[in-house]
Amino acid sequence: MDKIKNLLLYLSAFVPMYVLIALRLIIDIFNNNLSFNILNTINLITLLLLISLGICGLFLNIYHSKDLRREIKIISKTNITDRHFLGYFSLFVLFALQLELSYISDYCIFILISIFIGIVYIKNSLYFINPLLNILGYNFYDIVYIDQESNKQAECKIFYRGELKINQNYLVKFKNDNFAFIDKNKAK
């Protein structure tokens, strides 16, 4: 199940790009710049499927996850949202503006590049690079915290909607030792 959740979290990182590509395809078809042929139909169905899977995967990982939950106290924080978001922007431009998915060769390249990026993303646990979360209002932080159960200090990368406060306790869902989501409700 973790491998599926990881794959779906990867797909969610590209939902904004998939939406842009699908929008471009639909506009081109309606403006008669493209015909509604089998390849364009497959492209549109693929994009709609990827968008749906990405959104479902994001909600699965945030709200319906059985990841380890711990209470932590934030010692220090650094908002690093902008460091990773702009790196993905170049990929969005490459895919959304440069590839002509109405050609079989470009469609195959699109699929292969997506697979290669996915392998790197999942193998290296790069789940924190997710522009969709940023668009949805989540900030990405590097934090130092104290685990309230073990009383040990540690570091991790964490998503939180809003501004984290230092010296406050939070309930956290840890995806792994280096990546987590803070629950909506603070620990008391």
N, C-alpha and C. Protein backbone atom coordinates (compact mmCIF):
# COMPACT_ATOMS: atom_id res chain seq x y z
N MET A 1 0.82 -1.20 0.00
CA MET A 1 0.00 0.00 0.00
C MET A 1 0.86 1.26 0.00
N ASP A 2 2.02 1.21 0.70
CA ASP A 2 2.89 2.38 0.74
C ASP A 2 3.41 2.75 -0.65
N LYS A 3 3.71 1.73 -1.47
CA LYS A 3 4.21 2.02 -2.82
C LYS A 3 3.14 2.72 -3.65
N ILE A 4 1.89 2.32 -3.49
CA ILE A 4 0.80 2.97 -4.21
C ILE A 4 0.61 4.39 -3.71
N LYS A 5 0.65 4.58 -2.39
CA LYS A 5 0.53 5.94 -1.83
C LYS A 5 1.66 6.83 -2.32
N ASN A 6 2.87 6.29 -2.40
CA ASN A 6 4.01 7.08 -2.88
C ASN A 6 3.84 7.45 -4.35
N LEU A 7 3.37 6.50 -5.15
CA LEU A 7 3.14 6.78 -6.57
C LEU A 7 2.06 7.85 -6.73
N LEU A 8 0.99 7.74 -5.97
CA LEU A 8 -0.09 8.73 -6.06
C LEU A 8 0.36 10.10 -5.57
N LEU A 9 1.22 10.14 -4.55
CA LEU A 9 1.76 11.42 -4.09
C LEU A 9 2.65 12.04 -5.16
N TYR A 10 3.40 11.21 -5.87
CA TYR A 10 4.20 11.71 -7.00
C TYR A 10 3.28 12.31 -8.07
N LEU A 11 2.23 11.59 -8.43
CA LEU A 11 1.30 12.10 -9.45
C LEU A 11 0.66 13.41 -9.02
N SER A 12 0.40 13.56 -7.72
CA SER A 12 -0.22 14.80 -7.24
C SER A 12 0.69 16.01 -7.45
N ALA A 13 1.99 15.80 -7.43
CA ALA A 13 2.93 16.91 -7.62
C ALA A 13 2.78 17.53 -9.01
N PHE A 14 2.28 16.74 -9.97
CA PHE A 14 2.17 17.22 -11.34
C PHE A 14 0.74 17.59 -11.76
N VAL A 15 -0.20 17.55 -10.83
CA VAL A 15 -1.59 17.87 -11.19
C VAL A 15 -1.71 19.25 -11.85
N PRO A 16 -1.05 20.31 -11.34
CA PRO A 16 -1.18 21.60 -12.03
C PRO A 16 -0.70 21.54 -13.48
N MET A 17 0.39 20.80 -13.73
CA MET A 17 0.89 20.67 -15.09
C MET A 17 -0.09 19.88 -15.96
N TYR A 18 -0.64 18.79 -15.42
CA TYR A 18 -1.60 17.99 -16.18
C TYR A 18 -2.82 18.83 -16.54
N VAL A 19 -3.26 19.67 -15.63
CA VAL A 19 -4.41 20.55 -15.90
C VAL A 19 -4.07 21.52 -17.03
N LEU A 20 -2.86 22.10 -17.00
CA LEU A 20 -2.45 23.02 -18.07
C LEU A 20 -2.40 22.32 -19.43
N ILE A 21 -1.86 21.12 -19.45
CA ILE A 21 -1.76 20.39 -20.72
C ILE A 21 -3.15 20.01 -21.22
N ALA A 22 -4.02 19.53 -20.33
CA ALA A 22 -5.40 19.17 -20.72
C ALA A 22 -6.14 20.40 -21.22
N LEU A 23 -5.97 21.52 -20.54
CA LEU A 23 -6.63 22.76 -20.97
C LEU A 23 -6.14 23.18 -22.36
N ARG A 24 -4.86 23.08 -22.57
CA ARG A 24 -4.30 23.41 -23.89
C ARG A 24 -4.88 22.49 -24.97
N LEU A 25 -4.96 21.20 -24.67
CA LEU A 25 -5.50 20.23 -25.62
C LEU A 25 -6.96 20.52 -25.93
N ILE A 26 -7.75 20.79 -24.91
CA ILE A 26 -9.18 21.07 -25.10
C ILE A 26 -9.38 22.35 -25.91
N ILE A 27 -8.62 23.39 -25.58
CA ILE A 27 -8.73 24.66 -26.32
C ILE A 27 -8.35 24.47 -27.78
N ASP A 28 -7.27 23.71 -28.03
CA ASP A 28 -6.86 23.46 -29.41
C ASP A 28 -7.90 22.66 -30.19
N ILE A 29 -8.56 21.72 -29.53
CA ILE A 29 -9.60 20.94 -30.21
C ILE A 29 -10.81 21.82 -30.51
N PHE A 30 -11.23 22.64 -29.54
CA PHE A 30 -12.40 23.50 -29.76
C PHE A 30 -12.12 24.60 -30.79
N ASN A 31 -10.88 25.02 -30.92
CA ASN A 31 -10.52 26.04 -31.92
C ASN A 31 -10.15 25.43 -33.26
N ASN A 32 -10.36 24.13 -33.40
CA ASN A 32 -10.06 23.39 -34.63
C ASN A 32 -8.57 23.44 -35.00
N ASN A 33 -7.71 23.66 -34.02
CA ASN A 33 -6.27 23.56 -34.26
C ASN A 33 -5.83 22.10 -34.23
N LEU A 34 -6.61 21.26 -33.56
CA LEU A 34 -6.38 19.82 -33.50
C LEU A 34 -7.68 19.11 -33.80
N SER A 35 -7.56 17.94 -34.35
CA SER A 35 -8.77 17.15 -34.56
C SER A 35 -8.99 16.25 -33.35
N PHE A 36 -10.21 15.84 -33.16
CA PHE A 36 -10.54 14.97 -32.04
C PHE A 36 -10.37 13.53 -32.53
N ASN A 37 -9.09 13.11 -32.65
CA ASN A 37 -8.78 11.77 -33.14
C ASN A 37 -8.46 10.83 -31.98
N ILE A 38 -8.03 9.62 -32.31
CA ILE A 38 -7.78 8.61 -31.27
C ILE A 38 -6.65 9.04 -30.34
N LEU A 39 -5.54 9.55 -30.89
CA LEU A 39 -4.41 9.95 -30.04
C LEU A 39 -4.81 11.09 -29.09
N ASN A 40 -5.51 12.08 -29.61
CA ASN A 40 -5.93 13.19 -28.75
C ASN A 40 -6.93 12.72 -27.69
N THR A 41 -7.77 11.77 -28.05
CA THR A 41 -8.70 11.20 -27.07
C THR A 41 -7.94 10.45 -25.99
N ILE A 42 -6.95 9.65 -26.39
CA ILE A 42 -6.11 8.93 -25.42
C ILE A 42 -5.36 9.93 -24.53
N ASN A 43 -4.82 10.99 -25.13
CA ASN A 43 -4.12 12.03 -24.35
C ASN A 43 -5.05 12.63 -23.30
N LEU A 44 -6.24 13.00 -23.71
CA LEU A 44 -7.18 13.65 -22.80
C LEU A 44 -7.60 12.68 -21.68
N ILE A 45 -7.88 11.45 -22.04
CA ILE A 45 -8.27 10.45 -21.03
C ILE A 45 -7.10 10.20 -20.06
N THR A 46 -5.88 10.10 -20.59
CA THR A 46 -4.70 9.91 -19.75
C THR A 46 -4.53 11.07 -18.78
N LEU A 47 -4.66 12.29 -19.29
CA LEU A 47 -4.49 13.47 -18.43
C LEU A 47 -5.57 13.53 -17.35
N LEU A 48 -6.82 13.26 -17.73
CA LEU A 48 -7.91 13.28 -16.75
C LEU A 48 -7.71 12.19 -15.69
N LEU A 49 -7.20 11.04 -16.11
CA LEU A 49 -6.92 9.96 -15.17
C LEU A 49 -5.79 10.36 -14.22
N LEU A 50 -4.72 10.95 -14.76
CA LEU A 50 -3.60 11.38 -13.92
C LEU A 50 -4.03 12.47 -12.94
N ILE A 51 -4.87 13.39 -13.38
CA ILE A 51 -5.38 14.44 -12.49
C ILE A 51 -6.19 13.81 -11.36
N SER A 52 -7.08 12.90 -11.71
CA SER A 52 -7.93 12.25 -10.70
C SER A 52 -7.10 11.43 -9.71
N LEU A 53 -6.16 10.64 -10.23
CA LEU A 53 -5.31 9.84 -9.36
C LEU A 53 -4.45 10.72 -8.45
N GLY A 54 -3.93 11.80 -9.00
CA GLY A 54 -3.10 12.71 -8.19
C GLY A 54 -3.89 13.36 -7.07
N ILE A 55 -5.09 13.83 -7.37
CA ILE A 55 -5.93 14.45 -6.33
C ILE A 55 -6.34 13.42 -5.28
N CYS A 56 -6.75 12.25 -5.72
CA CYS A 56 -7.11 11.18 -4.77
C CYS A 56 -5.91 10.79 -3.91
N GLY A 57 -4.74 10.69 -4.52
CA GLY A 57 -3.54 10.33 -3.78
C GLY A 57 -3.16 11.36 -2.74
N LEU A 58 -3.34 12.62 -3.08
CA LEU A 58 -3.03 13.68 -2.13
C LEU A 58 -3.95 13.60 -0.92
N PHE A 59 -5.25 13.47 -1.17
CA PHE A 59 -6.19 13.38 -0.06
C PHE A 59 -5.97 12.10 0.76
N LEU A 60 -5.63 11.02 0.09
CA LEU A 60 -5.33 9.77 0.79
C LEU A 60 -4.14 9.95 1.73
N ASN A 61 -3.10 10.61 1.25
CA ASN A 61 -1.90 10.81 2.06
C ASN A 61 -2.11 11.81 3.20
N ILE A 62 -2.94 12.81 2.99
CA ILE A 62 -3.14 13.83 4.02
C ILE A 62 -4.19 13.41 5.04
N TYR A 63 -5.33 12.97 4.58
CA TYR A 63 -6.48 12.79 5.47
C TYR A 63 -6.78 11.35 5.86
N HIS A 64 -6.42 10.39 5.06
CA HIS A 64 -6.77 9.00 5.34
C HIS A 64 -5.53 8.13 5.47
N SER A 65 -4.52 8.68 6.07
CA SER A 65 -3.27 7.97 6.22
C SER A 65 -3.17 7.35 7.61
N LYS A 66 -2.58 6.19 7.67
CA LYS A 66 -2.34 5.54 8.96
C LYS A 66 -0.86 5.65 9.32
N ASP A 67 -0.24 6.71 8.83
CA ASP A 67 1.17 6.93 9.14
C ASP A 67 1.33 7.17 10.64
N LEU A 68 2.53 6.96 11.12
CA LEU A 68 2.86 7.14 12.52
C LEU A 68 2.51 8.56 12.96
N ARG A 69 1.76 8.67 14.05
CA ARG A 69 1.39 9.98 14.60
C ARG A 69 2.13 10.18 15.92
N ARG A 70 2.74 11.35 16.05
CA ARG A 70 3.45 11.68 17.28
C ARG A 70 3.19 13.13 17.64
N GLU A 71 3.33 13.40 18.92
CA GLU A 71 3.24 14.78 19.38
C GLU A 71 4.65 15.33 19.46
N ILE A 72 4.83 16.50 18.86
CA ILE A 72 6.16 17.12 18.86
C ILE A 72 6.05 18.56 19.33
N LYS A 73 7.18 19.10 19.74
CA LYS A 73 7.28 20.51 20.08
C LYS A 73 8.29 21.13 19.12
N ILE A 74 7.85 22.16 18.41
CA ILE A 74 8.71 22.82 17.42
C ILE A 74 9.74 23.69 18.15
N ILE A 75 11.01 23.45 17.86
CA ILE A 75 12.10 24.22 18.45
C ILE A 75 12.54 25.34 17.51
N SER A 76 12.67 25.00 16.22
CA SER A 76 13.02 26.01 15.22
C SER A 76 12.38 25.62 13.89
N LYS A 77 12.20 26.62 13.04
CA LYS A 77 11.56 26.39 11.75
C LYS A 77 12.16 27.33 10.71
N THR A 78 12.18 26.83 9.47
CA THR A 78 12.58 27.65 8.34
C THR A 78 11.61 27.33 7.21
N ASN A 79 10.91 28.34 6.73
CA ASN A 79 9.99 28.14 5.61
C ASN A 79 10.83 28.06 4.33
N ILE A 80 10.81 26.89 3.69
CA ILE A 80 11.63 26.68 2.49
C ILE A 80 10.76 26.35 1.28
N THR A 81 9.53 26.80 1.29
CA THR A 81 8.60 26.50 0.21
C THR A 81 9.16 26.92 -1.14
N ASP A 82 9.71 28.11 -1.21
CA ASP A 82 10.17 28.66 -2.49
C ASP A 82 11.39 27.94 -3.06
N ARG A 83 12.17 27.27 -2.24
CA ARG A 83 13.39 26.60 -2.72
C ARG A 83 13.11 25.46 -3.69
N HIS A 84 11.98 24.79 -3.53
CA HIS A 84 11.69 23.62 -4.34
C HIS A 84 10.62 23.87 -5.38
N PHE A 85 9.78 24.84 -5.16
CA PHE A 85 8.68 25.10 -6.07
C PHE A 85 9.18 25.57 -7.44
N LEU A 86 10.15 26.46 -7.45
CA LEU A 86 10.61 27.04 -8.72
C LEU A 86 11.34 26.01 -9.60
N GLY A 87 11.95 25.00 -8.99
CA GLY A 87 12.60 23.95 -9.77
C GLY A 87 11.59 23.19 -10.62
N TYR A 88 10.39 23.03 -10.11
CA TYR A 88 9.35 22.34 -10.86
C TYR A 88 8.76 23.21 -11.95
N PHE A 89 8.87 24.51 -11.80
CA PHE A 89 8.31 25.41 -12.80
C PHE A 89 8.92 25.16 -14.18
N SER A 90 10.22 24.90 -14.24
CA SER A 90 10.86 24.63 -15.54
C SER A 90 10.30 23.35 -16.16
N LEU A 91 9.99 22.35 -15.33
CA LEU A 91 9.36 21.13 -15.86
C LEU A 91 7.97 21.43 -16.40
N PHE A 92 7.23 22.28 -15.71
CA PHE A 92 5.89 22.66 -16.18
C PHE A 92 5.99 23.32 -17.55
N VAL A 93 6.95 24.23 -17.69
CA VAL A 93 7.11 24.94 -18.97
C VAL A 93 7.50 23.95 -20.06
N LEU A 94 8.43 23.04 -19.76
CA LEU A 94 8.86 22.04 -20.74
C LEU A 94 7.68 21.22 -21.23
N PHE A 95 6.91 20.68 -20.29
CA PHE A 95 5.80 19.82 -20.65
C PHE A 95 4.63 20.59 -21.27
N ALA A 96 4.22 21.65 -20.61
CA ALA A 96 2.99 22.32 -21.01
C ALA A 96 3.15 23.15 -22.28
N LEU A 97 4.32 23.68 -22.52
CA LEU A 97 4.48 24.57 -23.66
C LEU A 97 5.25 23.97 -24.83
N GLN A 98 6.19 23.08 -24.55
CA GLN A 98 7.08 22.61 -25.60
C GLN A 98 6.63 21.33 -26.29
N LEU A 99 6.04 20.40 -25.55
CA LEU A 99 5.68 19.13 -26.16
C LEU A 99 4.34 19.23 -26.89
N GLU A 100 4.29 18.69 -28.07
CA GLU A 100 3.06 18.60 -28.86
C GLU A 100 2.51 17.19 -28.70
N LEU A 101 1.62 17.01 -27.75
CA LEU A 101 1.13 15.67 -27.45
C LEU A 101 0.23 15.11 -28.54
N SER A 102 -0.04 15.89 -29.55
CA SER A 102 -0.81 15.36 -30.67
C SER A 102 0.07 14.53 -31.61
N TYR A 103 1.38 14.51 -31.35
CA TYR A 103 2.30 13.65 -32.08
C TYR A 103 2.64 12.44 -31.21
N ILE A 104 2.65 11.28 -31.80
CA ILE A 104 2.93 10.06 -31.05
C ILE A 104 4.32 10.11 -30.42
N SER A 105 5.29 10.66 -31.12
CA SER A 105 6.66 10.73 -30.59
C SER A 105 6.72 11.60 -29.33
N ASP A 106 6.08 12.75 -29.35
CA ASP A 106 6.07 13.63 -28.18
C ASP A 106 5.27 13.01 -27.03
N TYR A 107 4.20 12.31 -27.35
CA TYR A 107 3.41 11.63 -26.32
C TYR A 107 4.26 10.56 -25.63
N CYS A 108 5.03 9.79 -26.40
CA CYS A 108 5.91 8.77 -25.84
C CYS A 108 7.00 9.41 -24.98
N ILE A 109 7.56 10.51 -25.44
CA ILE A 109 8.58 11.22 -24.66
C ILE A 109 7.98 11.73 -23.35
N PHE A 110 6.76 12.27 -23.41
CA PHE A 110 6.05 12.74 -22.21
C PHE A 110 5.92 11.60 -21.20
N ILE A 111 5.50 10.43 -21.66
CA ILE A 111 5.33 9.27 -20.77
C ILE A 111 6.68 8.85 -20.19
N LEU A 112 7.72 8.75 -21.03
CA LEU A 112 9.04 8.32 -20.56
C LEU A 112 9.65 9.31 -19.56
N ILE A 113 9.55 10.61 -19.85
CA ILE A 113 10.08 11.61 -18.91
C ILE A 113 9.33 11.53 -17.58
N SER A 114 8.02 11.36 -17.63
CA SER A 114 7.22 11.22 -16.41
C SER A 114 7.66 10.00 -15.60
N ILE A 115 7.94 8.90 -16.27
CA ILE A 115 8.40 7.68 -15.59
C ILE A 115 9.78 7.91 -14.98
N PHE A 116 10.70 8.52 -15.72
CA PHE A 116 12.05 8.77 -15.20
C PHE A 116 12.00 9.69 -13.97
N ILE A 117 11.23 10.76 -14.06
CA ILE A 117 11.11 11.67 -12.92
C ILE A 117 10.47 10.94 -11.74
N GLY A 118 9.47 10.12 -12.02
CA GLY A 118 8.80 9.36 -10.96
C GLY A 118 9.74 8.42 -10.24
N ILE A 119 10.61 7.75 -10.98
CA ILE A 119 11.58 6.83 -10.37
C ILE A 119 12.50 7.60 -9.42
N VAL A 120 13.01 8.73 -9.88
CA VAL A 120 13.90 9.55 -9.04
C VAL A 120 13.13 10.09 -7.83
N TYR A 121 11.92 10.58 -8.06
CA TYR A 121 11.08 11.18 -7.01
C TYR A 121 10.80 10.16 -5.91
N ILE A 122 10.37 8.97 -6.28
CA ILE A 122 10.00 7.96 -5.29
C ILE A 122 11.24 7.32 -4.65
N LYS A 123 12.24 6.99 -5.47
CA LYS A 123 13.45 6.34 -4.95
C LYS A 123 14.17 7.22 -3.92
N ASN A 124 14.14 8.53 -4.14
CA ASN A 124 14.84 9.46 -3.25
C ASN A 124 13.92 10.12 -2.23
N SER A 125 12.67 9.65 -2.14
CA SER A 125 11.70 10.18 -1.18
C SER A 125 11.57 11.70 -1.27
N LEU A 126 11.39 12.21 -2.47
CA LEU A 126 11.27 13.65 -2.68
C LEU A 126 9.82 14.13 -2.57
N TYR A 127 9.07 13.54 -1.65
CA TYR A 127 7.64 13.84 -1.51
C TYR A 127 7.39 15.29 -1.14
N PHE A 128 8.38 15.93 -0.54
CA PHE A 128 8.21 17.31 -0.12
C PHE A 128 8.18 18.28 -1.30
N ILE A 129 8.58 17.84 -2.49
CA ILE A 129 8.52 18.70 -3.67
C ILE A 129 7.16 18.48 -4.31
N ASN A 130 6.20 19.32 -3.94
CA ASN A 130 4.85 19.13 -4.42
C ASN A 130 4.16 20.49 -4.57
N PRO A 131 4.21 21.08 -5.76
CA PRO A 131 3.60 22.39 -5.98
C PRO A 131 2.10 22.44 -5.70
N LEU A 132 1.40 21.32 -5.89
CA LEU A 132 -0.04 21.32 -5.63
C LEU A 132 -0.32 21.63 -4.16
N LEU A 133 0.49 21.10 -3.26
CA LEU A 133 0.31 21.40 -1.85
C LEU A 133 0.50 22.89 -1.59
N ASN A 134 1.49 23.47 -2.24
CA ASN A 134 1.72 24.91 -2.08
C ASN A 134 0.54 25.71 -2.62
N ILE A 135 0.02 25.32 -3.77
CA ILE A 135 -1.14 25.99 -4.35
C ILE A 135 -2.35 25.88 -3.41
N LEU A 136 -2.46 24.75 -2.70
CA LEU A 136 -3.57 24.54 -1.77
C LEU A 136 -3.35 25.23 -0.42
N GLY A 137 -2.27 25.97 -0.28
CA GLY A 137 -2.05 26.75 0.94
C GLY A 137 -1.09 26.16 1.95
N TYR A 138 -0.47 25.03 1.62
CA TYR A 138 0.49 24.42 2.54
C TYR A 138 1.84 25.09 2.36
N ASN A 139 2.52 25.29 3.47
CA ASN A 139 3.90 25.75 3.45
C ASN A 139 4.79 24.57 3.78
N PHE A 140 6.01 24.63 3.31
CA PHE A 140 6.97 23.56 3.51
C PHE A 140 8.07 24.08 4.43
N TYR A 141 8.31 23.38 5.52
CA TYR A 141 9.26 23.83 6.53
C TYR A 141 10.34 22.79 6.77
N ASP A 142 11.52 23.28 7.07
CA ASP A 142 12.58 22.49 7.69
C ASP A 142 12.45 22.80 9.17
N ILE A 143 12.25 21.79 10.01
CA ILE A 143 12.07 22.05 11.43
C ILE A 143 13.02 21.22 12.28
N VAL A 144 13.28 21.73 13.45
CA VAL A 144 13.92 20.98 14.52
C VAL A 144 12.86 20.86 15.60
N TYR A 145 12.68 19.64 16.12
CA TYR A 145 11.62 19.41 17.08
C TYR A 145 12.09 18.47 18.18
N ILE A 146 11.30 18.44 19.23
CA ILE A 146 11.49 17.46 20.30
C ILE A 146 10.29 16.54 20.28
N ASP A 147 10.57 15.24 20.17
CA ASP A 147 9.52 14.23 20.24
C ASP A 147 9.07 14.14 21.70
N GLN A 148 7.81 14.39 21.95
CA GLN A 148 7.31 14.44 23.32
C GLN A 148 7.34 13.08 24.00
N GLU A 149 7.30 12.00 23.24
CA GLU A 149 7.31 10.66 23.83
C GLU A 149 8.72 10.24 24.24
N SER A 150 9.68 10.43 23.33
CA SER A 150 11.05 9.99 23.61
C SER A 150 11.92 11.10 24.19
N ASN A 151 11.45 12.33 24.11
CA ASN A 151 12.17 13.52 24.57
C ASN A 151 13.50 13.71 23.82
N LYS A 152 13.55 13.22 22.56
CA LYS A 152 14.74 13.37 21.73
C LYS A 152 14.52 14.46 20.70
N GLN A 153 15.59 15.12 20.37
CA GLN A 153 15.54 16.18 19.36
C GLN A 153 15.83 15.56 17.99
N ALA A 154 15.12 16.04 16.97
CA ALA A 154 15.31 15.55 15.61
C ALA A 154 14.95 16.64 14.62
N GLU A 155 15.21 16.36 13.35
CA GLU A 155 14.88 17.29 12.27
C GLU A 155 13.98 16.58 11.27
N CYS A 156 13.16 17.34 10.57
CA CYS A 156 12.40 16.78 9.45
C CYS A 156 11.86 17.90 8.58
N LYS A 157 11.38 17.50 7.43
CA LYS A 157 10.70 18.40 6.51
C LYS A 157 9.21 18.17 6.72
N ILE A 158 8.45 19.28 6.74
CA ILE A 158 7.06 19.14 7.16
C ILE A 158 6.17 20.10 6.37
N PHE A 159 4.97 19.63 6.05
CA PHE A 159 3.97 20.48 5.42
C PHE A 159 2.97 20.92 6.47
N TYR A 160 2.61 22.18 6.41
CA TYR A 160 1.60 22.71 7.33
C TYR A 160 0.86 23.84 6.63
N ARG A 161 -0.45 23.82 6.77
CA ARG A 161 -1.26 24.90 6.20
C ARG A 161 -1.30 26.03 7.21
N GLY A 162 -0.59 27.09 6.89
CA GLY A 162 -0.51 28.23 7.80
C GLY A 162 0.91 28.44 8.27
N GLU A 163 1.04 29.16 9.35
CA GLU A 163 2.34 29.51 9.91
C GLU A 163 2.59 28.68 11.17
N LEU A 164 3.67 27.94 11.19
CA LEU A 164 4.05 27.17 12.38
C LEU A 164 4.54 28.12 13.46
N LYS A 165 4.26 27.76 14.69
CA LYS A 165 4.70 28.57 15.82
C LYS A 165 5.76 27.80 16.60
N ILE A 166 6.81 28.49 16.94
CA ILE A 166 7.89 27.90 17.72
C ILE A 166 7.41 27.71 19.17
N ASN A 167 7.93 26.67 19.82
CA ASN A 167 7.61 26.32 21.21
C ASN A 167 6.16 25.93 21.41
N GLN A 168 5.52 25.43 20.35
CA GLN A 168 4.16 24.90 20.48
C GLN A 168 4.17 23.43 20.12
N ASN A 169 3.21 22.71 20.68
CA ASN A 169 3.08 21.28 20.40
C ASN A 169 2.10 21.06 19.25
N TYR A 170 2.42 20.08 18.41
CA TYR A 170 1.58 19.71 17.27
C TYR A 170 1.51 18.20 17.18
N LEU A 171 0.39 17.71 16.70
CA LEU A 171 0.28 16.30 16.33
C LEU A 171 0.74 16.17 14.89
N VAL A 172 1.63 15.23 14.64
CA VAL A 172 2.24 15.11 13.32
C VAL A 172 2.06 13.70 12.79
N LYS A 173 1.72 13.59 11.49
CA LYS A 173 1.69 12.30 10.79
C LYS A 173 2.98 12.18 10.00
N PHE A 174 3.85 11.28 10.43
CA PHE A 174 5.15 11.11 9.78
C PHE A 174 5.04 10.09 8.65
N LYS A 175 5.30 10.54 7.44
CA LYS A 175 5.34 9.63 6.29
C LYS A 175 6.60 8.79 6.36
N ASN A 176 7.68 9.44 6.70
CA ASN A 176 8.94 8.75 6.99
C ASN A 176 9.73 9.65 7.94
N ASP A 177 10.95 9.29 8.26
CA ASP A 177 11.71 10.08 9.23
C ASP A 177 12.03 11.49 8.75
N ASN A 178 11.90 11.74 7.47
CA ASN A 178 12.28 13.04 6.93
C ASN A 178 11.14 13.84 6.33
N PHE A 179 9.91 13.35 6.46
CA PHE A 179 8.80 14.02 5.79
C PHE A 179 7.52 13.78 6.56
N ALA A 180 6.73 14.84 6.78
CA ALA A 180 5.52 14.70 7.59
C ALA A 180 4.49 15.77 7.23
N PHE A 181 3.25 15.50 7.65
CA PHE A 181 2.16 16.46 7.61
C PHE A 181 1.73 16.74 9.04
N ILE A 182 1.51 18.00 9.36
CA ILE A 182 0.97 18.32 10.68
C ILE A 182 -0.55 18.21 10.58
N ASP A 183 -1.15 17.52 11.55
CA ASP A 183 -2.60 17.44 11.62
C ASP A 183 -3.18 18.83 11.79
N LYS A 184 -4.45 18.97 11.44
CA LYS A 184 -5.12 20.26 11.57
C LYS A 184 -5.16 20.73 13.02
N ASN A 185 -5.36 19.80 13.93
CA ASN A 185 -5.53 20.16 15.33
C ASN A 185 -4.20 20.09 16.07
N LYS A 186 -3.95 21.10 16.87
CA LYS A 186 -2.73 21.11 17.69
C LYS A 186 -2.93 20.20 18.87
N ALA A 187 -1.83 19.62 19.34
CA ALA A 187 -1.88 18.80 20.56
C ALA A 187 -2.06 19.74 21.75
N LYS A 188 -2.69 19.23 22.76
CA LYS A 188 -2.89 20.07 23.96
C LYS A 188 -1.83 19.79 24.98
